[in-house]
Amino acid sequence: MPLCEDVEDHLSCVLESERRHCARRVGIEEARRLAVAVEAESQVAVATSQAKDLVAQAKVEADTSFRLASERLASEQKRCSAEVRADEERAAAASRVAAERLSAAKAARERAKADIAERIAKAEADQKKAIATAEATAQSAEECSSARIAEAERREVAARSRADWLKSDAAARLKRRVDEVDLRTAALELEAERRASKVQMAAGECV
C-alpha cells in the first residue's frame, strides 16, 4: 500500500476519533445544560410557591385584623347603646318622680283649702318649694342625661374612627407585604434567568 494512502487512512481514523470525542463532549455539555435548566426551573417553582404562601399568609392576617376591628366596633356600639338606654331610663325615672311630687303637692294644697290662711300659705310655700325642687331635679337629670348622651356619641365616633384606622392600617400592611412578595418573586425569577443564561452561554462556548 502506498505511503500516502496509509497517511490518509491514519488521518481519517484520527479525524473520526476526534469527531466522536467532540460529539461525546457536546453530549455531556448538553446534558449539563439541561440539568442546570431543570434546576433553574425547580428554583423558580419553589420561589413562586413561597411567594404564594406569603401572599396567602398576608391575606389571612389582614382578614383577622379586619375581623377584630369589626368586633371591636360592634362591642363599642353595643356598650354605647346600653349607656344611652340607661341614661334615658334614668331621665324618665326622674321625670316620673318630679310628676309624682307635683301631684302630691297639688293634693296637699287641695286638702289644705279647709284650713286657716296660715296653713294655706304654708301649704302653698311647701308646694312651691316642692315644685322648684322637682323642676331643679328634672333639669339636673336632663342636663346630666344630655351630657352622658353626648359622651356616648363622642365615644361612638371615636370607636368608629379607631375602627376605620384599623381597617386602613390592615389594608396598608397587606399592600406592603404583597409588594414585598412581588419584589422577592421578581428577584428570584431574575436570578434564575441569569443563571440559566450563564449556563446556556457556557454550554455554547464549550460547543
Protein backbone atom coordinates (compact mmCIF):
# COMPACT_ATOMS: atom_id res chain seq x y z
CA MET A 1 0.00 0.00 0.00
CA PRO A 2 1.44 3.42 -0.89
CA LEU A 3 2.55 5.68 1.93
CA CYS A 4 0.07 8.43 1.02
CA GLU A 5 -2.84 6.01 1.42
CA ASP A 6 -1.53 4.91 4.83
CA VAL A 7 -1.22 8.54 5.89
CA GLU A 8 -4.68 9.32 4.56
CA ASP A 9 -6.20 6.32 6.39
CA HIS A 10 -4.40 7.30 9.58
CA LEU A 11 -5.60 10.89 9.32
CA SER A 12 -9.15 9.65 8.62
CA CYS A 13 -9.02 7.49 11.74
CA VAL A 14 -7.68 10.37 13.81
CA LEU A 15 -10.35 12.73 12.42
CA GLU A 16 -13.10 10.20 13.13
CA SER A 17 -11.78 9.72 16.66
CA GLU A 18 -11.76 13.49 17.22
CA ARG A 19 -15.28 13.77 15.87
CA ARG A 20 -16.51 11.07 18.24
CA HIS A 21 -14.67 12.72 21.14
CA CYS A 22 -16.16 16.11 20.30
CA ALA A 23 -19.59 14.52 19.95
CA ARG A 24 -19.24 12.96 23.42
CA ARG A 25 -18.18 16.30 24.90
CA VAL A 26 -21.08 18.07 23.21
CA GLY A 27 -23.45 15.43 24.60
CA ILE A 28 -22.02 15.83 28.09
CA GLU A 29 -22.30 19.63 27.95
CA GLU A 30 -25.84 19.39 26.60
CA ALA A 31 -26.76 17.07 29.48
CA ARG A 32 -25.24 19.55 31.92
CA ARG A 33 -27.12 22.42 30.30
CA LEU A 34 -30.39 20.51 30.57
CA ALA A 35 -29.68 19.64 34.22
CA VAL A 36 -28.95 23.27 35.06
CA ALA A 37 -32.09 24.38 33.21
CA VAL A 38 -34.19 21.86 35.15
CA GLU A 39 -32.64 23.05 38.41
CA ALA A 40 -33.36 26.67 37.49
CA GLU A 41 -36.98 25.82 36.69
CA SER A 42 -37.24 23.99 40.02
CA GLN A 43 -35.89 27.03 41.87
CA VAL A 44 -38.37 29.29 40.07
CA ALA A 45 -41.21 26.92 41.01
CA VAL A 46 -40.10 26.89 44.66
CA ALA A 47 -39.84 30.70 44.70
CA THR A 48 -43.31 31.01 43.15
CA SER A 49 -44.75 28.60 45.74
CA GLN A 50 -43.11 30.55 48.57
CA ALA A 51 -44.47 33.81 47.19
CA LYS A 52 -47.98 32.36 47.03
CA ASP A 53 -47.67 31.14 50.62
CA LEU A 54 -46.54 34.59 51.77
CA VAL A 55 -49.45 36.25 49.96
CA ALA A 56 -51.91 33.78 51.49
CA GLN A 57 -50.49 34.38 54.95
CA ALA A 58 -50.70 38.16 54.49
CA LYS A 59 -54.33 37.84 53.39
CA VAL A 60 -55.16 35.71 56.44
CA GLU A 61 -53.54 38.27 58.76
CA ALA A 62 -55.40 41.13 57.05
CA ASP A 63 -58.72 39.26 57.35
CA THR A 64 -58.01 38.60 61.04
CA SER A 65 -57.22 42.30 61.66
CA PHE A 66 -60.39 43.35 59.84
CA ARG A 67 -62.50 40.86 61.82
CA LEU A 68 -61.05 42.04 65.14
CA ALA A 69 -61.67 45.67 64.18
CA SER A 70 -65.27 44.86 63.27
CA GLU A 71 -65.78 43.01 66.55
CA ARG A 72 -64.36 45.95 68.49
CA LEU A 73 -66.63 48.37 66.63
CA ALA A 74 -69.69 46.19 67.34
CA SER A 75 -68.72 45.94 71.02
CA GLU A 76 -68.27 49.71 71.32
CA GLN A 77 -71.59 50.34 69.58
CA LYS A 78 -73.36 47.89 71.90
CA ARG A 79 -71.83 49.44 75.00
CA CYS A 80 -72.63 52.99 73.87
CA SER A 81 -76.21 51.97 73.08
CA ALA A 82 -76.56 50.42 76.54
CA GLU A 83 -75.28 53.61 78.17
CA VAL A 84 -77.68 55.73 76.14
CA ARG A 85 -80.61 53.48 77.13
CA ALA A 86 -79.57 53.62 80.78
CA ASP A 87 -79.37 57.44 80.67
CA GLU A 88 -82.77 57.64 79.00
CA GLU A 89 -84.26 55.34 81.67
CA ARG A 90 -82.77 57.48 84.46
CA ALA A 91 -84.15 60.62 82.84
CA ALA A 92 -87.60 59.03 82.55
CA ALA A 93 -87.46 57.93 86.20
CA ALA A 94 -86.50 61.44 87.27
CA SER A 95 -89.41 62.83 85.26
CA ARG A 96 -91.80 60.38 86.91
CA VAL A 97 -90.52 61.35 90.36
CA ALA A 98 -90.99 65.02 89.56
CA ALA A 99 -94.52 64.39 88.29
CA GLU A 100 -95.36 62.38 91.40
CA ARG A 101 -94.05 65.11 93.67
CA LEU A 102 -96.00 67.72 91.76
CA SER A 103 -99.15 65.64 92.07
CA ALA A 104 -98.54 65.18 95.79
CA ALA A 105 -98.08 68.92 96.22
CA LYS A 106 -101.31 69.63 94.39
CA ALA A 107 -103.16 67.07 96.53
CA ALA A 108 -101.79 68.63 99.70
CA ARG A 109 -102.95 72.02 98.51
CA GLU A 110 -106.44 70.69 97.89
CA ARG A 111 -106.58 69.16 101.35
CA ALA A 112 -105.34 72.37 102.97
CA LYS A 113 -108.06 74.56 101.49
CA ALA A 114 -110.27 73.96 104.52
CA ASP A 115 -107.56 75.06 106.96
CA ILE A 116 -106.83 78.55 108.10
CA ALA A 117 -104.97 81.02 105.88
CA GLU A 118 -101.67 80.31 107.61
CA ARG A 119 -101.90 76.68 106.79
CA ILE A 120 -102.92 77.57 103.25
CA ALA A 121 -99.93 79.88 102.92
CA LYS A 122 -97.64 77.26 104.41
CA ALA A 123 -99.03 74.62 102.10
CA GLU A 124 -98.55 76.91 99.11
CA ALA A 125 -94.98 77.59 100.20
CA ASP A 126 -94.34 73.90 100.56
CA GLN A 127 -95.89 73.36 97.17
CA LYS A 128 -93.71 75.98 95.52
CA LYS A 129 -90.66 74.53 97.23
CA ALA A 130 -91.57 71.04 96.09
CA ILE A 131 -92.19 72.27 92.54
CA ALA A 132 -88.90 74.12 92.47
CA THR A 133 -87.07 71.07 93.82
CA ALA A 134 -88.77 68.79 91.33
CA GLU A 135 -88.02 71.12 88.42
CA ALA A 136 -84.42 71.53 89.54
CA THR A 137 -84.08 67.77 89.86
CA ALA A 138 -85.64 67.24 86.45
CA GLN A 139 -83.44 69.89 84.88
CA SER A 140 -80.35 68.48 86.56
CA ALA A 141 -81.28 64.99 85.45
CA GLU A 142 -81.93 66.20 81.91
CA GLU A 143 -78.60 68.05 81.78
CA CYS A 144 -76.79 65.01 83.16
CA SER A 145 -78.54 62.78 80.66
CA SER A 146 -77.66 65.14 77.80
CA ALA A 147 -74.04 65.19 78.89
CA ARG A 148 -73.93 61.38 79.08
CA ILE A 149 -75.63 61.05 75.72
CA ALA A 150 -73.09 63.46 74.22
CA GLU A 151 -70.27 61.48 75.84
CA ALA A 152 -71.70 58.23 74.48
CA GLU A 153 -71.96 59.74 71.00
CA ARG A 154 -68.38 61.00 71.28
CA ARG A 155 -67.21 57.53 72.26
CA GLU A 156 -69.11 56.00 69.39
CA VAL A 157 -67.47 58.45 66.95
CA ALA A 158 -64.08 57.65 68.48
CA ALA A 159 -64.76 53.93 68.16
CA ARG A 160 -65.75 54.35 64.52
CA SER A 161 -62.62 56.42 63.87
CA ARG A 162 -60.48 53.75 65.56
CA ALA A 163 -62.12 51.01 63.51
CA ASP A 164 -61.58 52.97 60.27
CA TRP A 165 -57.94 53.45 61.20
CA LEU A 166 -57.53 49.74 61.95
CA LYS A 167 -59.09 48.86 58.59
CA SER A 168 -56.86 51.28 56.66
CA ASP A 169 -53.78 50.11 58.62
CA ALA A 170 -54.58 46.45 57.86
CA ALA A 171 -55.04 47.28 54.16
CA ALA A 172 -51.73 49.20 54.09
CA ARG A 173 -49.87 46.33 55.78
CA LEU A 174 -51.38 43.87 53.33
CA LYS A 175 -50.30 46.04 50.38
CA ARG A 176 -46.77 46.36 51.77
CA ARG A 177 -46.46 42.60 52.25
CA VAL A 178 -47.84 41.85 48.80
CA ASP A 179 -45.38 44.37 47.29
CA GLU A 180 -42.52 42.74 49.20
CA VAL A 181 -43.58 39.31 47.96
CA ASP A 182 -43.76 40.61 44.37
CA LEU A 183 -40.27 42.11 44.68
CA ARG A 184 -38.87 38.87 46.11
CA THR A 185 -40.52 36.83 43.37
CA ALA A 186 -39.18 39.15 40.67
CA ALA A 187 -35.69 38.97 42.18
CA LEU A 188 -35.79 35.18 42.35
CA GLU A 189 -37.05 34.90 38.77
CA LEU A 190 -34.37 37.35 37.57
CA GLU A 191 -31.66 35.34 39.40
CA ALA A 192 -32.94 32.07 37.91
CA GLU A 193 -33.00 33.59 34.41
CA ARG A 194 -29.48 34.95 34.92
CA ARG A 195 -28.18 31.53 35.99
CA ALA A 196 -29.90 29.80 33.09
CA SER A 197 -28.43 32.38 30.70
CA LYS A 198 -24.94 31.80 32.11
CA VAL A 199 -25.35 28.05 31.74
CA GLN A 200 -26.53 28.42 28.15
CA MET A 201 -23.63 30.75 27.35
CA ALA A 202 -21.17 28.32 28.94
CA ALA A 203 -22.65 25.43 27.01
CA GLY A 204 -22.45 27.46 23.79
CA GLU A 205 -18.82 28.31 24.41
CA CYS A 206 -17.97 24.66 25.05
CA VAL A 207 -19.64 23.64 21.84
